């Protein structure tokens, strides 16, 4: 298990915060695995700075089948563990 700190832009961060979005689509440059933790950090693209909120989630399912994902990308389903 590894912890990955990930910049998460709006409106996607707010959707995770509200419990409406429970997945991430990411380029798999970090060799993501089920059981990994993602520290999703709120990021404001217009200001180019981090916000005040973070959400820690655990990857519960990972899809990397090229029939469904763009080559090199994964879809990670997650469950929330902690928010701050």
PDB file of N, CA and C in Angstrom:
ATOM      1  N   UNK A   1       0.842  -1.185   0.000  1.00  0.00           N
ATOM      2  CA  UNK A   1       0.000   0.000   0.000  1.00  0.00           C
ATOM      3  C   UNK A   1       0.881   1.240   0.000  1.00  0.00           C
ATOM      4  N   UNK A   2       0.513   2.179  -0.868  1.00  0.00           N
ATOM      5  CA  UNK A   2       1.229   3.447  -0.935  1.00  0.00           C
ATOM      6  C   UNK A   2       0.228   4.584  -0.772  1.00  0.00           C
ATOM      7  N   UNK A   3       0.740   5.738  -0.391  1.00  0.00           N
ATOM      8  CA  UNK A   3      -0.086   6.948  -0.311  1.00  0.00           C
ATOM      9  C   UNK A   3       0.325   7.862  -1.455  1.00  0.00           C
ATOM     10  N   UNK A   4      -0.660   8.286  -2.243  1.00  0.00           N
ATOM     11  CA  UNK A   4      -0.422   9.173  -3.378  1.00  0.00           C
ATOM     12  C   UNK A   4      -1.101  10.503  -3.104  1.00  0.00           C
ATOM     13  N   UNK A   5      -0.350  11.587  -3.102  1.00  0.00           N
ATOM     14  CA  UNK A   5      -0.935  12.923  -2.960  1.00  0.00           C
ATOM     15  C   UNK A   5      -1.308  13.419  -4.353  1.00  0.00           C
ATOM     16  N   UNK A   6      -2.596  13.752  -4.531  1.00  0.00           N
ATOM     17  CA  UNK A   6      -3.083  14.126  -5.851  1.00  0.00           C
ATOM     18  C   UNK A   6      -3.785  15.474  -5.823  1.00  0.00           C
ATOM     19  N   UNK A   7      -3.355  16.344  -6.701  1.00  0.00           N
ATOM     20  CA  UNK A   7      -4.002  17.632  -6.921  1.00  0.00           C
ATOM     21  C   UNK A   7      -5.367  17.338  -7.554  1.00  0.00           C
ATOM     22  N   UNK A   8      -6.444  17.889  -6.966  1.00  0.00           N
ATOM     23  CA  UNK A   8      -7.797  17.629  -7.469  1.00  0.00           C
ATOM     24  C   UNK A   8      -8.496  18.961  -7.720  1.00  0.00           C
ATOM     25  N   UNK A   9      -8.745  19.249  -8.992  1.00  0.00           N
ATOM     26  CA  UNK A   9      -9.297  20.551  -9.378  1.00  0.00           C
ATOM     27  C   UNK A   9     -10.810  20.606  -9.191  1.00  0.00           C
ATOM     28  N   UNK A  10     -11.313  21.827  -9.197  1.00  0.00           N
ATOM     29  CA  UNK A  10     -12.751  22.061  -9.154  1.00  0.00           C
ATOM     30  C   UNK A  10     -13.323  21.877 -10.560  1.00  0.00           C
ATOM     31  N   UNK A  11     -14.532  21.419 -10.732  1.00  0.00           N
ATOM     32  CA  UNK A  11     -15.523  21.117  -9.698  1.00  0.00           C
ATOM     33  C   UNK A  11     -15.401  19.710  -9.145  1.00  0.00           C
ATOM     34  N   UNK A  12     -14.397  18.963  -9.588  1.00  0.00           N
ATOM     35  CA  UNK A  12     -14.293  17.561  -9.204  1.00  0.00           C
ATOM     36  C   UNK A  12     -14.080  17.360  -7.706  1.00  0.00           C
ATOM     37  N   UNK A  13     -13.269  18.224  -7.080  1.00  0.00           N
ATOM     38  CA  UNK A  13     -13.054  18.082  -5.646  1.00  0.00           C
ATOM     39  C   UNK A  13     -14.368  18.246  -4.892  1.00  0.00           C
ATOM     40  N   UNK A  14     -15.157  19.257  -5.249  1.00  0.00           N
ATOM     41  CA  UNK A  14     -16.439  19.483  -4.562  1.00  0.00           C
ATOM     42  C   UNK A  14     -17.396  18.307  -4.741  1.00  0.00           C
ATOM     43  N   UNK A  15     -17.346  17.644  -5.889  1.00  0.00           N
ATOM     44  CA  UNK A  15     -18.200  16.476  -6.111  1.00  0.00           C
ATOM     45  C   UNK A  15     -17.796  15.311  -5.216  1.00  0.00           C
ATOM     46  N   UNK A  16     -16.493  15.139  -5.004  1.00  0.00           N
ATOM     47  CA  UNK A  16     -16.024  14.116  -4.064  1.00  0.00           C
ATOM     48  C   UNK A  16     -16.455  14.496  -2.652  1.00  0.00           C
ATOM     49  N   UNK A  17     -16.262  15.760  -2.283  1.00  0.00           N
ATOM     50  CA  UNK A  17     -16.620  16.260  -0.953  1.00  0.00           C
ATOM     51  C   UNK A  17     -18.102  16.015  -0.658  1.00  0.00           C
ATOM     52  N   UNK A  18     -18.946  16.202  -1.670  1.00  0.00           N
ATOM     53  CA  UNK A  18     -20.397  16.030  -1.516  1.00  0.00           C
ATOM     54  C   UNK A  18     -20.820  14.556  -1.553  1.00  0.00           C
ATOM     55  N   UNK A  19     -19.892  13.656  -1.842  1.00  0.00           N
ATOM     56  CA  UNK A  19     -20.201  12.232  -1.895  1.00  0.00           C
ATOM     57  C   UNK A  19     -20.805  11.782  -3.216  1.00  0.00           C
ATOM     58  N   UNK A  20     -20.780  12.646  -4.220  1.00  0.00           N
ATOM     59  CA  UNK A  20     -21.377  12.321  -5.514  1.00  0.00           C
ATOM     60  C   UNK A  20     -20.395  11.645  -6.475  1.00  0.00           C
ATOM     61  N   UNK A  21     -19.116  11.850  -6.271  1.00  0.00           N
ATOM     62  CA  UNK A  21     -18.086  11.266  -7.143  1.00  0.00           C
ATOM     63  C   UNK A  21     -17.215  10.355  -6.301  1.00  0.00           C
ATOM     64  N   UNK A  22     -17.192   9.069  -6.657  1.00  0.00           N
ATOM     65  CA  UNK A  22     -16.440   8.085  -5.877  1.00  0.00           C
ATOM     66  C   UNK A  22     -15.436   7.338  -6.754  1.00  0.00           C
ATOM     67  N   UNK A  23     -14.856   8.079  -7.700  1.00  0.00           N
ATOM     68  CA  UNK A  23     -13.852   7.482  -8.583  1.00  0.00           C
ATOM     69  C   UNK A  23     -12.897   8.568  -9.068  1.00  0.00           C
ATOM     70  N   UNK A  24     -11.744   8.124  -9.512  1.00  0.00           N
ATOM     71  CA  UNK A  24     -10.761   9.008 -10.140  1.00  0.00           C
ATOM     72  C   UNK A  24     -10.312   8.362 -11.439  1.00  0.00           C
ATOM     73  N   UNK A  25     -10.146   9.179 -12.465  1.00  0.00           N
ATOM     74  CA  UNK A  25      -9.550   8.752 -13.724  1.00  0.00           C
ATOM     75  C   UNK A  25      -8.189   9.434 -13.781  1.00  0.00           C
ATOM     76  N   UNK A  26      -7.141   8.644 -13.845  1.00  0.00           N
ATOM     77  CA  UNK A  26      -5.787   9.194 -13.793  1.00  0.00           C
ATOM     78  C   UNK A  26      -4.862   8.464 -14.750  1.00  0.00           C
ATOM     79  N   UNK A  27      -3.852   9.196 -15.207  1.00  0.00           N
ATOM     80  CA  UNK A  27      -2.766   8.573 -15.934  1.00  0.00           C
ATOM     81  C   UNK A  27      -2.029   7.690 -14.931  1.00  0.00           C
ATOM     82  N   UNK A  28      -1.738   6.457 -15.323  1.00  0.00           N
ATOM     83  CA  UNK A  28      -1.157   5.497 -14.374  1.00  0.00           C
ATOM     84  C   UNK A  28       0.366   5.559 -14.351  1.00  0.00           C
ATOM     85  N   UNK A  29       0.886   6.736 -14.027  1.00  0.00           N
ATOM     86  CA  UNK A  29       2.334   6.907 -13.930  1.00  0.00           C
ATOM     87  C   UNK A  29       2.862   6.558 -12.544  1.00  0.00           C
ATOM     88  N   UNK A  30       1.970   6.143 -11.651  1.00  0.00           N
ATOM     89  CA  UNK A  30       2.380   5.826 -10.272  1.00  0.00           C
ATOM     90  C   UNK A  30       2.138   4.363  -9.908  1.00  0.00           C
ATOM     91  N   UNK A  31       1.734   3.552 -10.879  1.00  0.00           N
ATOM     92  CA  UNK A  31       1.457   2.131 -10.664  1.00  0.00           C
ATOM     93  C   UNK A  31       0.440   1.940  -9.528  1.00  0.00           C
ATOM     94  N   UNK A  32      -0.713   2.569  -9.663  1.00  0.00           N
ATOM     95  CA  UNK A  32      -1.770   2.487  -8.659  1.00  0.00           C
ATOM     96  C   UNK A  32      -2.212   1.042  -8.458  1.00  0.00           C
ATOM     97  N   UNK A  33      -2.596   0.713  -7.225  1.00  0.00           N
ATOM     98  CA  UNK A  33      -3.058  -0.631  -6.862  1.00  0.00           C
ATOM     99  C   UNK A  33      -4.266  -0.518  -5.945  1.00  0.00           C
ATOM    100  N   UNK A  34      -5.107  -1.561  -5.944  1.00  0.00           N
ATOM    101  CA  UNK A  34      -6.186  -1.658  -4.969  1.00  0.00           C
ATOM    102  C   UNK A  34      -5.545  -1.667  -3.577  1.00  0.00           C
ATOM    103  N   UNK A  35      -6.101  -0.907  -2.663  1.00  0.00           N
ATOM    104  CA  UNK A  35      -5.547  -0.796  -1.311  1.00  0.00           C
ATOM    105  C   UNK A  35      -4.698   0.449  -1.119  1.00  0.00           C
ATOM    106  N   UNK A  36      -4.262   1.067  -2.218  1.00  0.00           N
ATOM    107  CA  UNK A  36      -3.506   2.325  -2.106  1.00  0.00           C
ATOM    108  C   UNK A  36      -4.404   3.409  -1.530  1.00  0.00           C
ATOM    109  N   UNK A  37      -3.783   4.377  -0.886  1.00  0.00           N
ATOM    110  CA  UNK A  37      -4.502   5.532  -0.370  1.00  0.00           C
ATOM    111  C   UNK A  37      -4.223   6.726  -1.267  1.00  0.00           C
ATOM    112  N   UNK A  38      -5.271   7.510  -1.523  1.00  0.00           N
ATOM    113  CA  UNK A  38      -5.147   8.732  -2.309  1.00  0.00           C
ATOM    114  C   UNK A  38      -5.477   9.896  -1.399  1.00  0.00           C
ATOM    115  N   UNK A  39      -4.570  10.832  -1.268  1.00  0.00           N
ATOM    116  CA  UNK A  39      -4.840  12.067  -0.540  1.00  0.00           C
ATOM    117  C   UNK A  39      -5.207  13.101  -1.598  1.00  0.00           C
ATOM    118  N   UNK A  40      -6.514  13.327  -1.739  1.00  0.00           N
ATOM    119  CA  UNK A  40      -7.016  14.261  -2.738  1.00  0.00           C
ATOM    120  C   UNK A  40      -6.969  15.663  -2.156  1.00  0.00           C
ATOM    121  N   UNK A  41      -6.188  16.524  -2.775  1.00  0.00           N
ATOM    122  CA  UNK A  41      -5.976  17.878  -2.263  1.00  0.00           C
ATOM    123  C   UNK A  41      -6.681  18.880  -3.157  1.00  0.00           C
ATOM    124  N   UNK A  42      -7.570  19.662  -2.559  1.00  0.00           N
ATOM    125  CA  UNK A  42      -8.313  20.686  -3.289  1.00  0.00           C
ATOM    126  C   UNK A  42      -7.338  21.655  -3.956  1.00  0.00           C
ATOM    127  N   UNK A  43      -7.561  21.915  -5.255  1.00  0.00           N
ATOM    128  CA  UNK A  43      -6.665  22.806  -5.993  1.00  0.00           C
ATOM    129  C   UNK A  43      -7.480  23.750  -6.851  1.00  0.00           C
ATOM    130  N   UNK A  44      -7.172  25.044  -6.745  1.00  0.00           N
ATOM    131  CA  UNK A  44      -7.839  26.071  -7.532  1.00  0.00           C
ATOM    132  C   UNK A  44      -6.960  26.386  -8.740  1.00  0.00           C
ATOM    133  N   UNK A  45      -7.410  25.954  -9.919  1.00  0.00           N
ATOM    134  CA  UNK A  45      -6.611  26.164 -11.140  1.00  0.00           C
ATOM    135  C   UNK A  45      -6.448  27.634 -11.488  1.00  0.00           C
ATOM    136  N   UNK A  46      -7.491  28.438 -11.244  1.00  0.00           N
ATOM    137  CA  UNK A  46      -7.408  29.855 -11.620  1.00  0.00           C
ATOM    138  C   UNK A  46      -6.380  30.604 -10.775  1.00  0.00           C
ATOM    139  N   UNK A  47      -6.245  30.228  -9.508  1.00  0.00           N
ATOM    140  CA  UNK A  47      -5.268  30.865  -8.616  1.00  0.00           C
ATOM    141  C   UNK A  47      -3.937  30.122  -8.573  1.00  0.00           C
ATOM    142  N   UNK A  48      -3.932  28.921  -9.131  1.00  0.00           N
ATOM    143  CA  UNK A  48      -2.751  28.059  -9.087  1.00  0.00           C
ATOM    144  C   UNK A  48      -2.265  27.852  -7.652  1.00  0.00           C
ATOM    145  N   UNK A  49      -3.224  27.519  -6.767  1.00  0.00           N
ATOM    146  CA  UNK A  49      -2.852  27.246  -5.370  1.00  0.00           C
ATOM    147  C   UNK A  49      -3.807  26.228  -4.761  1.00  0.00           C
ATOM    148  N   UNK A  50      -3.316  25.582  -3.708  1.00  0.00           N
ATOM    149  CA  UNK A  50      -4.121  24.597  -2.996  1.00  0.00           C
ATOM    150  C   UNK A  50      -5.146  25.300  -2.121  1.00  0.00           C
ATOM    151  N   UNK A  51      -6.300  24.667  -1.979  1.00  0.00           N
ATOM    152  CA  UNK A  51      -7.336  25.144  -1.069  1.00  0.00           C
ATOM    153  C   UNK A  51      -7.086  24.608   0.324  1.00  0.00           C
ATOM    154  N   UNK A  52      -8.090  24.703   1.175  1.00  0.00           N
ATOM    155  CA  UNK A  52      -7.906  24.309   2.575  1.00  0.00           C
ATOM    156  C   UNK A  52      -8.378  22.897   2.881  1.00  0.00           C
ATOM    157  N   UNK A  53      -8.965  22.193   1.904  1.00  0.00           N
ATOM    158  CA  UNK A  53      -9.548  20.882   2.189  1.00  0.00           C
ATOM    159  C   UNK A  53      -8.754  19.742   1.548  1.00  0.00           C
ATOM    160  N   UNK A  54      -8.801  18.595   2.229  1.00  0.00           N
ATOM    161  CA  UNK A  54      -8.205  17.359   1.737  1.00  0.00           C
ATOM    162  C   UNK A  54      -9.133  16.212   2.100  1.00  0.00           C
ATOM    163  N   UNK A  55      -9.102  15.164   1.285  1.00  0.00           N
ATOM    164  CA  UNK A  55      -9.883  13.960   1.560  1.00  0.00           C
ATOM    165  C   UNK A  55      -8.962  12.757   1.348  1.00  0.00           C
ATOM    166  N   UNK A  56      -8.912  11.891   2.343  1.00  0.00           N
ATOM    167  CA  UNK A  56      -8.141  10.653   2.236  1.00  0.00           C
ATOM    168  C   UNK A  56      -9.103   9.539   1.848  1.00  0.00           C
ATOM    169  N   UNK A  57      -8.773   8.829   0.760  1.00  0.00           N
ATOM    170  CA  UNK A  57      -9.623   7.737   0.285  1.00  0.00           C
ATOM    171  C   UNK A  57      -8.769   6.502   0.050  1.00  0.00           C
ATOM    172  N   UNK A  58      -9.436   5.342   0.038  1.00  0.00           N
ATOM    173  CA  UNK A  58      -8.760   4.076  -0.252  1.00  0.00           C
ATOM    174  C   UNK A  58      -9.289   3.529  -1.575  1.00  0.00           C
ATOM    175  N   UNK A  59      -8.385   3.110  -2.452  1.00  0.00           N
ATOM    176  CA  UNK A  59      -8.772   2.516  -3.731  1.00  0.00           C
ATOM    177  C   UNK A  59      -9.350   1.131  -3.465  1.00  0.00           C
ATOM    178  N   UNK A  60     -10.615   0.916  -3.903  1.00  0.00           N
ATOM    179  CA  UNK A  60     -11.298  -0.360  -3.679  1.00  0.00           C
ATOM    180  C   UNK A  60     -11.443  -1.185  -4.957  1.00  0.00           C
ATOM    181  N   UNK A  61     -11.310  -0.540  -6.109  1.00  0.00           N
ATOM    182  CA  UNK A  61     -11.396  -1.225  -7.398  1.00  0.00           C
ATOM    183  C   UNK A  61     -10.611  -0.420  -8.410  1.00  0.00           C
ATOM    184  N   UNK A  62      -9.937  -1.121  -9.311  1.00  0.00           N
ATOM    185  CA  UNK A  62      -9.122  -0.446 -10.316  1.00  0.00           C
ATOM    186  C   UNK A  62      -9.405  -1.081 -11.682  1.00  0.00           C
ATOM    187  N   UNK A  63      -9.728  -0.252 -12.657  1.00  0.00           N
ATOM    188  CA  UNK A  63      -9.976  -0.723 -14.018  1.00  0.00           C
ATOM    189  C   UNK A  63      -8.898  -0.151 -14.928  1.00  0.00           C
ATOM    190  N   UNK A  64      -8.155  -1.045 -15.601  1.00  0.00           N
ATOM    191  CA  UNK A  64      -7.128  -0.588 -16.535  1.00  0.00           C
ATOM    192  C   UNK A  64      -7.172  -1.374 -17.840  1.00  0.00           C
ATOM    193  N   UNK A  65      -8.319  -1.905 -18.169  1.00  0.00           N
ATOM    194  CA  UNK A  65      -8.530  -2.667 -19.389  1.00  0.00           C
ATOM    195  C   UNK A  65      -8.598  -1.703 -20.578  1.00  0.00           C
ATOM    196  N   UNK A  66      -7.736  -1.886 -21.572  1.00  0.00           N
ATOM    197  CA  UNK A  66      -7.672  -0.940 -22.698  1.00  0.00           C
ATOM    198  C   UNK A  66      -8.942  -0.951 -23.548  1.00  0.00           C
ATOM    199  N   UNK A  67      -9.821  -1.936 -23.342  1.00  0.00           N
ATOM    200  CA  UNK A  67     -11.108  -1.903 -24.044  1.00  0.00           C
ATOM    201  C   UNK A  67     -12.011  -0.810 -23.497  1.00  0.00           C
ATOM    202  N   UNK A  68     -11.745  -0.369 -22.258  1.00  0.00           N
ATOM    203  CA  UNK A  68     -12.614   0.607 -21.600  1.00  0.00           C
ATOM    204  C   UNK A  68     -11.893   1.882 -21.173  1.00  0.00           C
ATOM    205  N   UNK A  69     -10.589   1.822 -21.108  1.00  0.00           N
ATOM    206  CA  UNK A  69      -9.788   2.978 -20.663  1.00  0.00           C
ATOM    207  C   UNK A  69      -8.805   3.369 -21.763  1.00  0.00           C
ATOM    208  N   UNK A  70      -8.586   4.651 -21.885  1.00  0.00           N
ATOM    209  CA  UNK A  70      -7.558   5.135 -22.792  1.00  0.00           C
ATOM    210  C   UNK A  70      -6.225   4.520 -22.361  1.00  0.00           C
ATOM    211  N   UNK A  71      -5.392   4.164 -23.318  1.00  0.00           N
ATOM    212  CA  UNK A  71      -4.121   3.510 -22.997  1.00  0.00           C
ATOM    213  C   UNK A  71      -3.309   4.346 -22.014  1.00  0.00           C
ATOM    214  N   UNK A  72      -2.839   3.686 -20.953  1.00  0.00           N
ATOM    215  CA  UNK A  72      -2.026   4.348 -19.941  1.00  0.00           C
ATOM    216  C   UNK A  72      -2.829   4.936 -18.790  1.00  0.00           C
ATOM    217  N   UNK A  73      -4.154   4.898 -18.885  1.00  0.00           N
ATOM    218  CA  UNK A  73      -5.014   5.467 -17.844  1.00  0.00           C
ATOM    219  C   UNK A  73      -5.710   4.376 -17.048  1.00  0.00           C
ATOM    220  N   UNK A  74      -6.132   4.725 -15.844  1.00  0.00           N
ATOM    221  CA  UNK A  74      -6.905   3.822 -14.985  1.00  0.00           C
ATOM    222  C   UNK A  74      -8.104   4.577 -14.424  1.00  0.00           C
ATOM    223  N   UNK A  75      -9.118   3.814 -14.083  1.00  0.00           N
ATOM    224  CA  UNK A  75     -10.257   4.334 -13.329  1.00  0.00           C
ATOM    225  C   UNK A  75     -10.204   3.662 -11.972  1.00  0.00           C
ATOM    226  N   UNK A  76     -10.177   4.467 -10.917  1.00  0.00           N
ATOM    227  CA  UNK A  76     -10.085   3.933  -9.555  1.00  0.00           C
ATOM    228  C   UNK A  76     -11.342   4.287  -8.772  1.00  0.00           C
ATOM    229  N   UNK A  77     -12.053   3.264  -8.332  1.00  0.00           N
ATOM    230  CA  UNK A  77     -13.172   3.463  -7.413  1.00  0.00           C
ATOM    231  C   UNK A  77     -12.575   3.562  -6.014  1.00  0.00           C
ATOM    232  N   UNK A  78     -13.178   4.392  -5.157  1.00  0.00           N
ATOM    233  CA  UNK A  78     -12.627   4.539  -3.808  1.00  0.00           C
ATOM    234  C   UNK A  78     -13.712   4.710  -2.771  1.00  0.00           C
ATOM    235  N   UNK A  79     -13.293   4.518  -1.508  1.00  0.00           N
ATOM    236  CA  UNK A  79     -14.158   4.824  -0.370  1.00  0.00           C
ATOM    237  C   UNK A  79     -13.437   5.862   0.483  1.00  0.00           C
ATOM    238  N   UNK A  80     -14.227   6.774   1.011  1.00  0.00           N
ATOM    239  CA  UNK A  80     -13.653   7.847   1.834  1.00  0.00           C
ATOM    240  C   UNK A  80     -13.257   7.312   3.204  1.00  0.00           C
ATOM    241  N   UNK A  81     -12.097   7.767   3.681  1.00  0.00           N
ATOM    242  CA  UNK A  81     -11.618   7.385   5.006  1.00  0.00           C
ATOM    243  C   UNK A  81     -11.648   8.570   5.976  1.00  0.00           C
ATOM    244  N   UNK A  82     -11.220   9.748   5.493  1.00  0.00           N
ATOM    245  CA  UNK A  82     -11.087  10.910   6.378  1.00  0.00           C
ATOM    246  C   UNK A  82     -11.092  12.177   5.550  1.00  0.00           C
ATOM    247  N   UNK A  83     -11.634  13.231   6.124  1.00  0.00           N
ATOM    248  CA  UNK A  83     -11.593  14.539   5.459  1.00  0.00           C
ATOM    249  C   UNK A  83     -11.126  15.606   6.437  1.00  0.00           C
ATOM    250  N   UNK A  84     -10.506  16.626   5.885  1.00  0.00           N
ATOM    251  CA  UNK A  84     -10.057  17.743   6.728  1.00  0.00           C
ATOM    252  C   UNK A  84     -10.085  19.025   5.923  1.00  0.00           C
TER     253      UNK A  84
END
